[in-house]
Amino acid sequence: ILGALAAGQSPTRLNPMISLLQAKKPVFGLYAPSPPRGNRAPG
C-alpha cells in the first residue's frame, strides 16, 4: 500500500529544466568559453 501511494505522487525530475520547458517558461544558461586548441592563433 505504501509503495502504491508513493508511485501515485507527481513525478519529480532530476533535471529541473524539463519542467520549465514543459511549462513554456524561458530557460537561460551560460556559455563557457574554452581555450583555443593548439598553440597558435588562426592566421
ModelCIF file with pLDDT and N, C-alpha, C, O atoms, coordinates in Angstrom:
data_MODEL
#
_entry.id   MODEL 
#
_entity.id                         1 
_entity.type                       polymer 
_entity.pdbx_number_of_molecules   1 
#
_entity_poly.entity_id                      1 
_entity_poly.type                           'polypeptide(L)' 
_entity_poly.nstd_linkage                   no 
_entity_poly.nstd_monomer                   no 
_entity_poly.pdbx_seq_one_letter_code       ILGALAAGQSPTRLNPMISLLQAKKPVFGLYAPSPPRGNRAPG 
_entity_poly.pdbx_seq_one_letter_code_can   ILGALAAGQSPTRLNPMISLLQAKKPVFGLYAPSPPRGNRAPG 
_entity_poly.pdbx_strand_id                 A 
#
loop_
_entity_poly_seq.entity_id 
_entity_poly_seq.num 
_entity_poly_seq.mon_id 
_entity_poly_seq.hetero 
1 1  ILE n 
1 2  LEU n 
1 3  GLY n 
1 4  ALA n 
1 5  LEU n 
1 6  ALA n 
1 7  ALA n 
1 8  GLY n 
1 9  GLN n 
1 10 SER n 
1 11 PRO n 
1 12 THR n 
1 13 ARG n 
1 14 LEU n 
1 15 ASN n 
1 16 PRO n 
1 17 MET n 
1 18 ILE n 
1 19 SER n 
1 20 LEU n 
1 21 LEU n 
1 22 GLN n 
1 23 ALA n 
1 24 LYS n 
1 25 LYS n 
1 26 PRO n 
1 27 VAL n 
1 28 PHE n 
1 29 GLY n 
1 30 LEU n 
1 31 TYR n 
1 32 ALA n 
1 33 PRO n 
1 34 SER n 
1 35 PRO n 
1 36 PRO n 
1 37 ARG n 
1 38 GLY n 
1 39 ASN n 
1 40 ARG n 
1 41 ALA n 
1 42 PRO n 
1 43 GLY n 
#
_struct_asym.id          A 
_struct_asym.entity_id   1 
#
loop_
_ma_qa_metric.id 
_ma_qa_metric.mode 
_ma_qa_metric.name 
_ma_qa_metric.software_group_id 
_ma_qa_metric.type 
1 global pLDDT . pLDDT 
2 local  pLDDT . pLDDT 
#
_ma_qa_metric_global.metric_id      1 
_ma_qa_metric_global.metric_value   73.84 
_ma_qa_metric_global.model_id       1 
_ma_qa_metric_global.ordinal_id     1 
#
loop_
_ma_qa_metric_local.label_asym_id 
_ma_qa_metric_local.label_comp_id 
_ma_qa_metric_local.label_seq_id 
_ma_qa_metric_local.metric_id 
_ma_qa_metric_local.metric_value 
_ma_qa_metric_local.model_id 
_ma_qa_metric_local.ordinal_id 
A ILE 1  2 79.00 1 1  
A LEU 2  2 73.00 1 2  
A GLY 3  2 70.00 1 3  
A ALA 4  2 69.00 1 4  
A LEU 5  2 68.00 1 5  
A ALA 6  2 62.00 1 6  
A ALA 7  2 63.00 1 7  
A GLY 8  2 60.00 1 8  
A GLN 9  2 62.00 1 9  
A SER 10 2 64.00 1 10 
A PRO 11 2 68.00 1 11 
A THR 12 2 76.00 1 12 
A ARG 13 2 78.00 1 13 
A LEU 14 2 85.00 1 14 
A ASN 15 2 85.00 1 15 
A PRO 16 2 84.00 1 16 
A MET 17 2 85.00 1 17 
A ILE 18 2 87.00 1 18 
A SER 19 2 86.00 1 19 
A LEU 20 2 88.00 1 20 
A LEU 21 2 89.00 1 21 
A GLN 22 2 89.00 1 22 
A ALA 23 2 91.00 1 23 
A LYS 24 2 92.00 1 24 
A LYS 25 2 91.00 1 25 
A PRO 26 2 88.00 1 26 
A VAL 27 2 85.00 1 27 
A PHE 28 2 83.00 1 28 
A GLY 29 2 78.00 1 29 
A LEU 30 2 72.00 1 30 
A TYR 31 2 70.00 1 31 
A ALA 32 2 68.00 1 32 
A PRO 33 2 67.00 1 33 
A SER 34 2 69.00 1 34 
A PRO 35 2 64.00 1 35 
A PRO 36 2 62.00 1 36 
A ARG 37 2 65.00 1 37 
A GLY 38 2 62.00 1 38 
A ASN 39 2 58.00 1 39 
A ARG 40 2 59.00 1 40 
A ALA 41 2 56.00 1 41 
A PRO 42 2 61.00 1 42 
A GLY 43 2 64.00 1 43 
#
loop_
_atom_site.group_PDB 
_atom_site.id 
_atom_site.type_symbol 
_atom_site.label_atom_id 
_atom_site.label_alt_id 
_atom_site.label_comp_id 
_atom_site.label_asym_id 
_atom_site.label_entity_id 
_atom_site.label_seq_id 
_atom_site.pdbx_PDB_ins_code 
_atom_site.Cartn_x 
_atom_site.Cartn_y 
_atom_site.Cartn_z 
_atom_site.occupancy 
_atom_site.B_iso_or_equiv 
_atom_site.pdbx_formal_charge 
_atom_site.auth_seq_id 
_atom_site.auth_comp_id 
_atom_site.auth_asym_id 
_atom_site.auth_atom_id 
_atom_site.pdbx_PDB_model_num 
ATOM 1   N N  . ILE A 1 1  ? 0.843  -1.204 0.000   1.00 79.00 ? 1  ILE A N  1 
ATOM 2   C CA . ILE A 1 1  ? 0.000  0.000  0.000   1.00 79.00 ? 1  ILE A CA 1 
ATOM 3   C C  . ILE A 1 1  ? 0.875  1.251  0.000   1.00 79.00 ? 1  ILE A C  1 
ATOM 4   O O  . ILE A 1 1  ? 0.607  2.198  -0.739  1.00 79.00 ? 1  ILE A O  1 
ATOM 5   N N  . LEU A 1 2  ? 1.924  1.255  0.830   1.00 73.00 ? 2  LEU A N  1 
ATOM 6   C CA . LEU A 1 2  ? 2.822  2.411  0.863   1.00 73.00 ? 2  LEU A CA 1 
ATOM 7   C C  . LEU A 1 2  ? 3.528  2.603  -0.473  1.00 73.00 ? 2  LEU A C  1 
ATOM 8   O O  . LEU A 1 2  ? 3.732  3.737  -0.905  1.00 73.00 ? 2  LEU A O  1 
ATOM 9   N N  . GLY A 1 3  ? 3.899  1.519  -1.124  1.00 70.00 ? 3  GLY A N  1 
ATOM 10  C CA . GLY A 1 3  ? 4.538  1.618  -2.437  1.00 70.00 ? 3  GLY A CA 1 
ATOM 11  C C  . GLY A 1 3  ? 3.587  2.186  -3.479  1.00 70.00 ? 3  GLY A C  1 
ATOM 12  O O  . GLY A 1 3  ? 3.992  2.973  -4.334  1.00 70.00 ? 3  GLY A O  1 
ATOM 13  N N  . ALA A 1 4  ? 2.316  1.784  -3.406  1.00 69.00 ? 4  ALA A N  1 
ATOM 14  C CA . ALA A 1 4  ? 1.328  2.303  -4.350  1.00 69.00 ? 4  ALA A CA 1 
ATOM 15  C C  . ALA A 1 4  ? 1.096  3.791  -4.123  1.00 69.00 ? 4  ALA A C  1 
ATOM 16  O O  . ALA A 1 4  ? 0.919  4.545  -5.080  1.00 69.00 ? 4  ALA A O  1 
ATOM 17  N N  . LEU A 1 5  ? 1.094  4.217  -2.871  1.00 68.00 ? 5  LEU A N  1 
ATOM 18  C CA . LEU A 1 5  ? 0.908  5.641  -2.582  1.00 68.00 ? 5  LEU A CA 1 
ATOM 19  C C  . LEU A 1 5  ? 2.109  6.459  -3.076  1.00 68.00 ? 5  LEU A C  1 
ATOM 20  O O  . LEU A 1 5  ? 1.939  7.560  -3.601  1.00 68.00 ? 5  LEU A O  1 
ATOM 21  N N  . ALA A 1 6  ? 3.295  5.930  -2.908  1.00 62.00 ? 6  ALA A N  1 
ATOM 22  C CA . ALA A 1 6  ? 4.485  6.644  -3.367  1.00 62.00 ? 6  ALA A CA 1 
ATOM 23  C C  . ALA A 1 6  ? 4.523  6.723  -4.890  1.00 62.00 ? 6  ALA A C  1 
ATOM 24  O O  . ALA A 1 6  ? 4.970  7.729  -5.441  1.00 62.00 ? 6  ALA A O  1 
ATOM 25  N N  . ALA A 1 7  ? 4.067  5.693  -5.570  1.00 63.00 ? 7  ALA A N  1 
ATOM 26  C CA . ALA A 1 7  ? 4.080  5.688  -7.032  1.00 63.00 ? 7  ALA A CA 1 
ATOM 27  C C  . ALA A 1 7  ? 3.017  6.612  -7.603  1.00 63.00 ? 7  ALA A C  1 
ATOM 28  O O  . ALA A 1 7  ? 3.155  7.075  -8.735  1.00 63.00 ? 7  ALA A O  1 
ATOM 29  N N  . GLY A 1 8  ? 1.966  6.892  -6.853  1.00 60.00 ? 8  GLY A N  1 
ATOM 30  C CA . GLY A 1 8  ? 0.883  7.733  -7.332  1.00 60.00 ? 8  GLY A CA 1 
ATOM 31  C C  . GLY A 1 8  ? 1.165  9.215  -7.218  1.00 60.00 ? 8  GLY A C  1 
ATOM 32  O O  . GLY A 1 8  ? 0.387  10.017 -7.734  1.00 60.00 ? 8  GLY A O  1 
ATOM 33  N N  . GLN A 1 9  ? 2.241  9.613  -6.567  1.00 62.00 ? 9  GLN A N  1 
ATOM 34  C CA . GLN A 1 9  ? 2.549  11.027 -6.425  1.00 62.00 ? 9  GLN A CA 1 
ATOM 35  C C  . GLN A 1 9  ? 3.116  11.574 -7.726  1.00 62.00 ? 9  GLN A C  1 
ATOM 36  O O  . GLN A 1 9  ? 3.528  10.822 -8.610  1.00 62.00 ? 9  GLN A O  1 
ATOM 37  N N  . SER A 1 10 ? 3.127  12.904 -7.823  1.00 64.00 ? 10 SER A N  1 
ATOM 38  C CA . SER A 1 10 ? 3.621  13.531 -9.046  1.00 64.00 ? 10 SER A CA 1 
ATOM 39  C C  . SER A 1 10 ? 5.108  13.235 -9.217  1.00 64.00 ? 10 SER A C  1 
ATOM 40  O O  . SER A 1 10 ? 5.858  13.224 -8.241  1.00 64.00 ? 10 SER A O  1 
ATOM 41  N N  . PRO A 1 11 ? 5.531  12.996 -10.449 1.00 68.00 ? 11 PRO A N  1 
ATOM 42  C CA . PRO A 1 11 ? 6.936  12.649 -10.664 1.00 68.00 ? 11 PRO A CA 1 
ATOM 43  C C  . PRO A 1 11 ? 7.834  13.865 -10.474 1.00 68.00 ? 11 PRO A C  1 
ATOM 44  O O  . PRO A 1 11 ? 7.495  14.969 -10.902 1.00 68.00 ? 11 PRO A O  1 
ATOM 45  N N  . THR A 1 12 ? 8.961  13.662 -9.843  1.00 76.00 ? 12 THR A N  1 
ATOM 46  C CA . THR A 1 12 ? 9.956  14.715 -9.727  1.00 76.00 ? 12 THR A CA 1 
ATOM 47  C C  . THR A 1 12 ? 11.080 14.380 -10.699 1.00 76.00 ? 12 THR A C  1 
ATOM 48  O O  . THR A 1 12 ? 11.496 13.228 -10.819 1.00 76.00 ? 12 THR A O  1 
ATOM 49  N N  . ARG A 1 13 ? 11.550 15.381 -11.373 1.00 78.00 ? 13 ARG A N  1 
ATOM 50  C CA . ARG A 1 13 ? 12.576 15.170 -12.381 1.00 78.00 ? 13 ARG A CA 1 
ATOM 51  C C  . ARG A 1 13 ? 13.945 15.497 -11.814 1.00 78.00 ? 13 ARG A C  1 
ATOM 52  O O  . ARG A 1 13 ? 14.089 16.374 -10.962 1.00 78.00 ? 13 ARG A O  1 
ATOM 53  N N  . LEU A 1 14 ? 14.944 14.779 -12.297 1.00 85.00 ? 14 LEU A N  1 
ATOM 54  C CA . LEU A 1 14 ? 16.308 15.064 -11.896 1.00 85.00 ? 14 LEU A CA 1 
ATOM 55  C C  . LEU A 1 14 ? 16.794 16.364 -12.528 1.00 85.00 ? 14 LEU A C  1 
ATOM 56  O O  . LEU A 1 14 ? 17.612 17.075 -11.945 1.00 85.00 ? 14 LEU A O  1 
ATOM 57  N N  . ASN A 1 15 ? 16.299 16.667 -13.700 1.00 85.00 ? 15 ASN A N  1 
ATOM 58  C CA . ASN A 1 15 ? 16.682 17.887 -14.408 1.00 85.00 ? 15 ASN A CA 1 
ATOM 59  C C  . ASN A 1 15 ? 15.518 18.871 -14.347 1.00 85.00 ? 15 ASN A C  1 
ATOM 60  O O  . ASN A 1 15 ? 14.500 18.642 -15.002 1.00 85.00 ? 15 ASN A O  1 
ATOM 61  N N  . PRO A 1 16 ? 15.633 19.971 -13.575 1.00 84.00 ? 16 PRO A N  1 
ATOM 62  C CA . PRO A 1 16 ? 14.517 20.908 -13.462 1.00 84.00 ? 16 PRO A CA 1 
ATOM 63  C C  . PRO A 1 16 ? 14.241 21.680 -14.752 1.00 84.00 ? 16 PRO A C  1 
ATOM 64  O O  . PRO A 1 16 ? 13.191 22.311 -14.876 1.00 84.00 ? 16 PRO A O  1 
ATOM 65  N N  . MET A 1 17 ? 15.158 21.641 -15.702 1.00 85.00 ? 17 MET A N  1 
ATOM 66  C CA . MET A 1 17 ? 14.941 22.344 -16.970 1.00 85.00 ? 17 MET A CA 1 
ATOM 67  C C  . MET A 1 17 ? 13.769 21.744 -17.747 1.00 85.00 ? 17 MET A C  1 
ATOM 68  O O  . MET A 1 17 ? 13.081 22.461 -18.474 1.00 85.00 ? 17 MET A O  1 
ATOM 69  N N  . ILE A 1 18 ? 13.538 20.448 -17.604 1.00 87.00 ? 18 ILE A N  1 
ATOM 70  C CA . ILE A 1 18 ? 12.455 19.797 -18.337 1.00 87.00 ? 18 ILE A CA 1 
ATOM 71  C C  . ILE A 1 18 ? 11.111 20.353 -17.899 1.00 87.00 ? 18 ILE A C  1 
ATOM 72  O O  . ILE A 1 18 ? 10.233 20.595 -18.727 1.00 87.00 ? 18 ILE A O  1 
ATOM 73  N N  . SER A 1 19 ? 10.949 20.558 -16.590 1.00 86.00 ? 19 SER A N  1 
ATOM 74  C CA . SER A 1 19 ? 9.696  21.123 -16.090 1.00 86.00 ? 19 SER A CA 1 
ATOM 75  C C  . SER A 1 19 ? 9.496  22.543 -16.607 1.00 86.00 ? 19 SER A C  1 
ATOM 76  O O  . SER A 1 19 ? 8.377  22.931 -16.944 1.00 86.00 ? 19 SER A O  1 
ATOM 77  N N  . LEU A 1 20 ? 10.573 23.317 -16.669 1.00 88.00 ? 20 LEU A N  1 
ATOM 78  C CA . LEU A 1 20 ? 10.454 24.676 -17.195 1.00 88.00 ? 20 LEU A CA 1 
ATOM 79  C C  . LEU A 1 20 ? 10.079 24.668 -18.669 1.00 88.00 ? 20 LEU A C  1 
ATOM 80  O O  . LEU A 1 20 ? 9.258  25.475 -19.105 1.00 88.00 ? 20 LEU A O  1 
ATOM 81  N N  . LEU A 1 21 ? 10.668 23.770 -19.433 1.00 89.00 ? 21 LEU A N  1 
ATOM 82  C CA . LEU A 1 21 ? 10.344 23.691 -20.855 1.00 89.00 ? 21 LEU A CA 1 
ATOM 83  C C  . LEU A 1 21 ? 8.903  23.245 -21.078 1.00 89.00 ? 21 LEU A C  1 
ATOM 84  O O  . LEU A 1 21 ? 8.241  23.740 -21.990 1.00 89.00 ? 21 LEU A O  1 
ATOM 85  N N  . GLN A 1 22 ? 8.403  22.315 -20.256 1.00 89.00 ? 22 GLN A N  1 
ATOM 86  C CA . GLN A 1 22 ? 7.022  21.866 -20.391 1.00 89.00 ? 22 GLN A CA 1 
ATOM 87  C C  . GLN A 1 22 ? 6.042  22.973 -20.038 1.00 89.00 ? 22 GLN A C  1 
ATOM 88  O O  . GLN A 1 22 ? 4.951  23.043 -20.604 1.00 89.00 ? 22 GLN A O  1 
ATOM 89  N N  . ALA A 1 23 ? 6.428  23.844 -19.098 1.00 91.00 ? 23 ALA A N  1 
ATOM 90  C CA . ALA A 1 23 ? 5.565  24.954 -18.707 1.00 91.00 ? 23 ALA A CA 1 
ATOM 91  C C  . ALA A 1 23 ? 5.722  26.151 -19.649 1.00 91.00 ? 23 ALA A C  1 
ATOM 92  O O  . ALA A 1 23 ? 5.125  27.204 -19.425 1.00 91.00 ? 23 ALA A O  1 
ATOM 93  N N  . LYS A 1 24 ? 6.529  25.984 -20.703 1.00 92.00 ? 24 LYS A N  1 
ATOM 94  C CA . LYS A 1 24 ? 6.796  27.027 -21.701 1.00 92.00 ? 24 LYS A CA 1 
ATOM 95  C C  . LYS A 1 24 ? 7.365  28.288 -21.051 1.00 92.00 ? 24 LYS A C  1 
ATOM 96  O O  . LYS A 1 24 ? 7.015  29.404 -21.432 1.00 92.00 ? 24 LYS A O  1 
ATOM 97  N N  . LYS A 1 25 ? 8.251  28.097 -20.060 1.00 91.00 ? 25 LYS A N  1 
ATOM 98  C CA . LYS A 1 25 ? 8.942  29.200 -19.405 1.00 91.00 ? 25 LYS A CA 1 
ATOM 99  C C  . LYS A 1 25 ? 10.334 29.329 -20.026 1.00 91.00 ? 25 LYS A C  1 
ATOM 100 O O  . LYS A 1 25 ? 10.873 28.352 -20.547 1.00 91.00 ? 25 LYS A O  1 
ATOM 101 N N  . PRO A 1 26 ? 10.916 30.529 -19.972 1.00 88.00 ? 26 PRO A N  1 
ATOM 102 C CA . PRO A 1 26 ? 12.249 30.701 -20.557 1.00 88.00 ? 26 PRO A CA 1 
ATOM 103 C C  . PRO A 1 26 ? 13.315 29.988 -19.744 1.00 88.00 ? 26 PRO A C  1 
ATOM 104 O O  . PRO A 1 26 ? 13.250 29.920 -18.517 1.00 88.00 ? 26 PRO A O  1 
ATOM 105 N N  . VAL A 1 27 ? 14.296 29.458 -20.460 1.00 85.00 ? 27 VAL A N  1 
ATOM 106 C CA . VAL A 1 27 ? 15.418 28.768 -19.836 1.00 85.00 ? 27 VAL A CA 1 
ATOM 107 C C  . VAL A 1 27 ? 16.687 29.473 -20.302 1.00 85.00 ? 27 VAL A C  1 
ATOM 108 O O  . VAL A 1 27 ? 16.925 29.621 -21.501 1.00 85.00 ? 27 VAL A O  1 
ATOM 109 N N  . PHE A 1 28 ? 17.488 29.901 -19.348 1.00 83.00 ? 28 PHE A N  1 
ATOM 110 C CA . PHE A 1 28 ? 18.717 30.618 -19.664 1.00 83.00 ? 28 PHE A CA 1 
ATOM 111 C C  . PHE A 1 28 ? 19.910 29.811 -19.191 1.00 83.00 ? 28 PHE A C  1 
ATOM 112 O O  . PHE A 1 28 ? 19.806 29.017 -18.256 1.00 83.00 ? 28 PHE A O  1 
ATOM 113 N N  . GLY A 1 29 ? 21.032 30.017 -19.838 1.00 78.00 ? 29 GLY A N  1 
ATOM 114 C CA . GLY A 1 29 ? 22.256 29.336 -19.449 1.00 78.00 ? 29 GLY A CA 1 
ATOM 115 C C  . GLY A 1 29 ? 23.451 30.221 -19.721 1.00 78.00 ? 29 GLY A C  1 
ATOM 116 O O  . GLY A 1 29 ? 23.319 31.315 -20.270 1.00 78.00 ? 29 GLY A O  1 
ATOM 117 N N  . LEU A 1 30 ? 24.601 29.745 -19.339 1.00 72.00 ? 30 LEU A N  1 
ATOM 118 C CA . LEU A 1 30 ? 25.850 30.472 -19.565 1.00 72.00 ? 30 LEU A CA 1 
ATOM 119 C C  . LEU A 1 30 ? 26.696 29.715 -20.570 1.00 72.00 ? 30 LEU A C  1 
ATOM 120 O O  . LEU A 1 30 ? 26.726 28.484 -20.583 1.00 72.00 ? 30 LEU A O  1 
ATOM 121 N N  . TYR A 1 31 ? 27.367 30.458 -21.394 1.00 70.00 ? 31 TYR A N  1 
ATOM 122 C CA . TYR A 1 31 ? 28.314 29.876 -22.334 1.00 70.00 ? 31 TYR A CA 1 
ATOM 123 C C  . TYR A 1 31 ? 29.677 29.898 -21.663 1.00 70.00 ? 31 TYR A C  1 
ATOM 124 O O  . TYR A 1 31 ? 30.119 30.945 -21.188 1.00 70.00 ? 31 TYR A O  1 
ATOM 125 N N  . ALA A 1 32 ? 30.327 28.783 -21.621 1.00 68.00 ? 32 ALA A N  1 
ATOM 126 C CA . ALA A 1 32 ? 31.653 28.707 -21.015 1.00 68.00 ? 32 ALA A CA 1 
ATOM 127 C C  . ALA A 1 32 ? 32.688 28.593 -22.119 1.00 68.00 ? 32 ALA A C  1 
ATOM 128 O O  . ALA A 1 32 ? 32.815 27.536 -22.736 1.00 68.00 ? 32 ALA A O  1 
ATOM 129 N N  . PRO A 1 33 ? 33.437 29.671 -22.381 1.00 67.00 ? 33 PRO A N  1 
ATOM 130 C CA . PRO A 1 33 ? 34.448 29.589 -23.436 1.00 67.00 ? 33 PRO A CA 1 
ATOM 131 C C  . PRO A 1 33 ? 35.574 28.658 -23.037 1.00 67.00 ? 33 PRO A C  1 
ATOM 132 O O  . PRO A 1 33 ? 35.874 28.507 -21.853 1.00 67.00 ? 33 PRO A O  1 
ATOM 133 N N  . SER A 1 34 ? 36.184 28.048 -24.004 1.00 69.00 ? 34 SER A N  1 
ATOM 134 C CA . SER A 1 34 ? 37.305 27.146 -23.743 1.00 69.00 ? 34 SER A CA 1 
ATOM 135 C C  . SER A 1 34 ? 38.550 27.707 -24.415 1.00 69.00 ? 34 SER A C  1 
ATOM 136 O O  . SER A 1 34 ? 38.454 28.452 -25.390 1.00 69.00 ? 34 SER A O  1 
ATOM 137 N N  . PRO A 1 35 ? 39.697 27.356 -23.902 1.00 64.00 ? 35 PRO A N  1 
ATOM 138 C CA . PRO A 1 35 ? 40.921 27.844 -24.546 1.00 64.00 ? 35 PRO A CA 1 
ATOM 139 C C  . PRO A 1 35 ? 41.036 27.272 -25.955 1.00 64.00 ? 35 PRO A C  1 
ATOM 140 O O  . PRO A 1 35 ? 40.559 26.168 -26.219 1.00 64.00 ? 35 PRO A O  1 
ATOM 141 N N  . PRO A 1 36 ? 41.662 28.015 -26.855 1.00 62.00 ? 36 PRO A N  1 
ATOM 142 C CA . PRO A 1 36 ? 41.773 27.517 -28.233 1.00 62.00 ? 36 PRO A CA 1 
ATOM 143 C C  . PRO A 1 36 ? 42.635 26.262 -28.291 1.00 62.00 ? 36 PRO A C  1 
ATOM 144 O O  . PRO A 1 36 ? 43.556 26.083 -27.494 1.00 62.00 ? 36 PRO A O  1 
ATOM 145 N N  . ARG A 1 37 ? 42.324 25.418 -29.230 1.00 65.00 ? 37 ARG A N  1 
ATOM 146 C CA . ARG A 1 37 ? 43.099 24.191 -29.409 1.00 65.00 ? 37 ARG A CA 1 
ATOM 147 C C  . ARG A 1 37 ? 44.397 24.521 -30.133 1.00 65.00 ? 37 ARG A C  1 
ATOM 148 O O  . ARG A 1 37 ? 44.441 25.392 -31.001 1.00 65.00 ? 37 ARG A O  1 
ATOM 149 N N  . GLY A 1 38 ? 45.421 23.826 -29.769 1.00 62.00 ? 38 GLY A N  1 
ATOM 150 C CA . GLY A 1 38 ? 46.719 24.110 -30.367 1.00 62.00 ? 38 GLY A CA 1 
ATOM 151 C C  . GLY A 1 38 ? 47.346 25.304 -29.670 1.00 62.00 ? 38 GLY A C  1 
ATOM 152 O O  . GLY A 1 38 ? 46.796 25.815 -28.694 1.00 62.00 ? 38 GLY A O  1 
ATOM 153 N N  . ASN A 1 39 ? 48.491 25.752 -30.162 1.00 58.00 ? 39 ASN A N  1 
ATOM 154 C CA . ASN A 1 39 ? 49.161 26.872 -29.518 1.00 58.00 ? 39 ASN A CA 1 
ATOM 155 C C  . ASN A 1 39 ? 49.310 28.072 -30.437 1.00 58.00 ? 39 ASN A C  1 
ATOM 156 O O  . ASN A 1 39 ? 50.086 28.980 -30.138 1.00 58.00 ? 39 ASN A O  1 
ATOM 157 N N  . ARG A 1 40 ? 48.597 28.097 -31.536 1.00 59.00 ? 40 ARG A N  1 
ATOM 158 C CA . ARG A 1 40 ? 48.720 29.210 -32.478 1.00 59.00 ? 40 ARG A CA 1 
ATOM 159 C C  . ARG A 1 40 ? 47.345 29.821 -32.737 1.00 59.00 ? 40 ARG A C  1 
ATOM 160 O O  . ARG A 1 40 ? 46.331 29.127 -32.801 1.00 59.00 ? 40 ARG A O  1 
ATOM 161 N N  . ALA A 1 41 ? 47.351 31.119 -32.880 1.00 56.00 ? 41 ALA A N  1 
ATOM 162 C CA . ALA A 1 41 ? 46.119 31.821 -33.242 1.00 56.00 ? 41 ALA A CA 1 
ATOM 163 C C  . ALA A 1 41 ? 45.841 31.571 -34.718 1.00 56.00 ? 41 ALA A C  1 
ATOM 164 O O  . ALA A 1 41 ? 46.779 31.386 -35.494 1.00 56.00 ? 41 ALA A O  1 
ATOM 165 N N  . PRO A 1 42 ? 44.585 31.562 -35.119 1.00 61.00 ? 42 PRO A N  1 
ATOM 166 C CA . PRO A 1 42 ? 44.281 31.333 -36.538 1.00 61.00 ? 42 PRO A CA 1 
ATOM 167 C C  . PRO A 1 42 ? 44.864 32.445 -37.403 1.00 61.00 ? 42 PRO A C  1 
ATOM 168 O O  . PRO A 1 42 ? 44.602 33.625 -37.168 1.00 61.00 ? 42 PRO A O  1 
ATOM 169 N N  . GLY A 1 43 ? 45.644 32.070 -38.389 1.00 64.00 ? 43 GLY A N  1 
ATOM 170 C CA . GLY A 1 43 ? 46.199 33.022 -39.335 1.00 64.00 ? 43 GLY A CA 1 
ATOM 171 C C  . GLY A 1 43 ? 47.448 33.742 -38.854 1.00 64.00 ? 43 GLY A C  1 
ATOM 172 O O  . GLY A 1 43 ? 48.000 34.570 -39.577 1.00 64.00 ? 43 GLY A O  1 
#
